[in-house]
Amino acid sequence: MEFTPIGTIRSPFSDREGMPIQPAGAAAVKGTVEVLAPYREGLQDLDGFSHIILLYHFHRSSGFELKVVPFLDVNPRGIFATRAPKRPNSIGLSVVRLERVEGRILHVVGVDVLDGTPLLDIKPFVPDFDAQVEVRTGWLEQVSRNVQGKRSDDRFV
């Protein structure tokens, strides 16, 4: 299985330590998505959406553990019950607000990724498709409200 990046995500974060850990914690953080020229035509009609889903490669993560202590907790959790970056397949997902499209550049808000992150795909966020009504959030139910002030540290370096 091989993936080819279709662009690069630009953000103000050059180091993992101290950056927001989820888009909710980066609500005011602006960034850009630079889509490579061969994929520009695929951006047609994207400007009609307020939010997009970015799928990307955690390019500065290597290896993984099946149990981790996530940023919002002190207890070890199964990797698939977390959003930790060190995963068997280093794929990340963020829902960001799309401000505007200028040629091959997407101006976005809510960026919680490192500068230079390879972009794998873009999908429109559609509440009728993506938002669920009856949701359980497991162990995160008690701690997710703390995400705005939480910053990453060196635990996944």
Protein backbone atom coordinates (compact mmCIF):
# COMPACT_ATOMS: atom_id res chain seq x y z
CA MET A 1 0.00 0.00 0.00
CA GLU A 2 1.44 3.35 -0.99
CA PHE A 3 0.15 6.87 -0.58
CA THR A 4 1.32 9.93 -2.46
CA PRO A 5 0.91 13.32 -0.78
CA ILE A 6 -1.37 15.73 -2.63
CA GLY A 7 -0.06 18.77 -0.80
CA THR A 8 1.39 20.22 2.39
CA ILE A 9 -0.27 21.62 5.49
CA ARG A 10 1.28 24.85 6.78
CA SER A 11 0.89 25.92 10.40
CA PRO A 12 2.72 28.06 12.95
CA PHE A 13 3.94 24.90 14.75
CA SER A 14 7.48 23.78 13.99
CA ASP A 15 7.81 21.66 17.13
CA ARG A 16 5.40 19.11 18.60
CA GLU A 17 5.92 20.24 22.15
CA GLY A 18 3.49 22.95 23.22
CA MET A 19 1.13 22.76 20.24
CA PRO A 20 -2.64 22.17 20.54
CA ILE A 21 -3.66 18.53 20.63
CA GLN A 22 -6.95 18.76 18.68
CA PRO A 23 -8.65 21.30 16.38
CA ALA A 24 -10.89 22.32 19.32
CA GLY A 25 -7.75 23.42 21.15
CA ALA A 26 -6.57 25.33 18.07
CA ALA A 27 -9.85 27.11 17.34
CA ALA A 28 -8.18 30.42 16.42
CA VAL A 29 -5.03 29.00 14.80
CA LYS A 30 -4.78 29.90 11.12
CA GLY A 31 -2.92 27.91 8.54
CA THR A 32 -2.90 27.03 4.89
CA VAL A 33 -3.10 23.89 2.83
CA GLU A 34 -0.93 24.00 -0.29
CA VAL A 35 -2.35 21.57 -2.82
CA LEU A 36 0.08 20.38 -5.50
CA ALA A 37 -0.57 21.61 -9.04
CA PRO A 38 -1.68 18.24 -10.51
CA TYR A 39 -4.56 18.16 -7.98
CA ARG A 40 -5.78 21.75 -8.37
CA GLU A 41 -8.76 20.80 -10.53
CA GLY A 42 -10.04 18.65 -7.66
CA LEU A 43 -10.58 21.80 -5.57
CA GLN A 44 -13.48 22.91 -7.77
CA ASP A 45 -16.62 23.59 -5.68
CA LEU A 46 -14.79 23.15 -2.36
CA ASP A 47 -15.25 26.84 -1.54
CA GLY A 48 -18.96 26.19 -0.89
CA PHE A 49 -18.15 24.25 2.28
CA SER A 50 -17.51 25.83 5.68
CA HIS A 51 -15.49 22.89 7.04
CA ILE A 52 -13.25 20.25 5.53
CA ILE A 53 -11.65 17.04 6.74
CA LEU A 54 -7.90 16.84 6.28
CA LEU A 55 -6.30 13.39 6.19
CA TYR A 56 -2.56 13.52 6.63
CA HIS A 57 0.58 11.61 7.48
CA PHE A 58 2.09 11.98 10.95
CA HIS A 59 5.47 12.43 9.27
CA ARG A 60 7.44 13.04 12.46
CA SER A 61 6.11 10.03 14.33
CA SER A 62 7.75 6.65 14.18
CA GLY A 63 6.88 3.38 15.79
CA PHE A 64 3.86 2.80 17.96
CA GLU A 65 2.66 1.29 21.19
CA LEU A 66 -0.67 -0.50 21.54
CA LYS A 67 -1.16 1.17 24.93
CA VAL A 68 -0.40 4.85 25.50
CA VAL A 69 -1.04 7.52 28.11
CA PRO A 70 -2.92 10.15 26.08
CA PHE A 71 -2.52 13.89 26.60
CA LEU A 72 -5.86 14.26 28.38
CA ASP A 73 -5.35 11.39 30.81
CA VAL A 74 -2.93 9.77 33.23
CA ASN A 75 -4.04 6.19 32.60
CA PRO A 76 -2.79 3.87 29.84
CA ARG A 77 -5.37 3.42 27.07
CA GLY A 78 -5.54 1.26 23.97
CA ILE A 79 -4.15 3.21 20.99
CA PHE A 80 -7.43 2.80 19.06
CA ALA A 81 -9.32 4.48 21.92
CA THR A 82 -7.10 7.57 21.58
CA ARG A 83 -6.04 10.09 18.98
CA ALA A 84 -2.37 9.74 19.81
CA PRO A 85 -0.03 10.31 16.83
CA LYS A 86 2.12 7.18 17.23
CA ARG A 87 -0.14 4.66 15.47
CA PRO A 88 0.37 1.46 13.45
CA ASN A 89 -0.44 3.53 10.34
CA SER A 90 0.59 7.13 10.93
CA ILE A 91 -2.62 8.69 9.61
CA GLY A 92 -4.10 11.82 11.16
CA LEU A 93 -7.48 13.47 10.71
CA SER A 94 -8.56 17.02 11.49
CA VAL A 95 -11.78 18.89 10.80
CA VAL A 96 -10.91 22.53 10.08
CA ARG A 97 -12.88 25.61 9.06
CA LEU A 98 -12.31 26.64 5.45
CA GLU A 99 -12.06 30.42 5.17
CA ARG A 100 -11.36 30.66 1.46
CA VAL A 101 -9.75 29.05 -1.55
CA GLU A 102 -7.15 31.01 -3.53
CA GLY A 103 -5.95 28.97 -6.47
CA ARG A 104 -4.17 25.96 -4.95
CA ILE A 105 -4.09 27.46 -1.43
CA LEU A 106 -6.77 26.71 1.13
CA HIS A 107 -6.93 29.15 4.04
CA VAL A 108 -8.07 27.26 7.13
CA VAL A 109 -8.69 27.84 10.83
CA GLY A 110 -8.35 25.29 13.62
CA VAL A 111 -5.03 23.80 12.51
CA ASP A 112 -3.53 21.39 15.04
CA VAL A 113 -0.74 19.86 12.94
CA LEU A 114 2.95 20.49 12.46
CA ASP A 115 4.14 22.79 9.71
CA GLY A 116 5.10 20.79 6.63
CA THR A 117 2.75 17.88 7.31
CA PRO A 118 2.09 15.85 4.12
CA LEU A 119 -1.57 16.02 3.07
CA LEU A 120 -3.08 12.73 1.87
CA ASP A 121 -6.66 13.76 1.13
CA ILE A 122 -9.37 16.39 1.59
CA LYS A 123 -13.05 15.65 2.13
CA PRO A 124 -15.92 18.04 2.75
CA PHE A 125 -17.41 17.91 6.23
CA VAL A 126 -21.14 17.32 5.91
CA PRO A 127 -23.09 17.26 9.20
CA ASP A 128 -25.83 15.08 7.69
CA PHE A 129 -23.15 12.48 6.88
CA ASP A 130 -20.56 13.03 9.61
CA ALA A 131 -22.34 14.21 12.76
CA GLN A 132 -23.99 11.52 14.85
CA VAL A 133 -26.89 12.12 17.23
CA GLU A 134 -26.44 9.49 19.93
CA VAL A 135 -22.75 9.44 20.78
CA ARG A 136 -20.73 7.91 23.60
CA THR A 137 -17.17 9.12 24.06
CA GLY A 138 -15.87 6.52 26.49
CA TRP A 139 -13.11 7.61 28.83
CA LEU A 140 -12.94 11.00 27.07
CA GLU A 141 -16.39 11.99 28.34
CA GLN A 142 -14.91 13.25 31.63
CA VAL A 143 -11.88 15.05 30.19
CA SER A 144 -12.68 16.28 26.66
CA ARG A 145 -13.83 19.70 27.88
CA ASN A 146 -10.21 20.34 28.94
CA VAL A 147 -8.87 20.14 25.38
CA GLN A 148 -8.80 23.93 24.76
CA GLY A 149 -6.05 24.53 27.30
CA LYS A 150 -4.14 21.28 26.81
CA ARG A 151 -0.88 21.32 24.86
CA SER A 152 1.29 18.49 23.64
CA ASP A 153 4.46 17.49 25.38
CA ASP A 154 7.27 15.11 24.55
CA ARG A 155 5.45 11.84 25.30
CA PHE A 156 5.04 10.85 21.61
CA VAL A 157 8.43 11.99 20.33
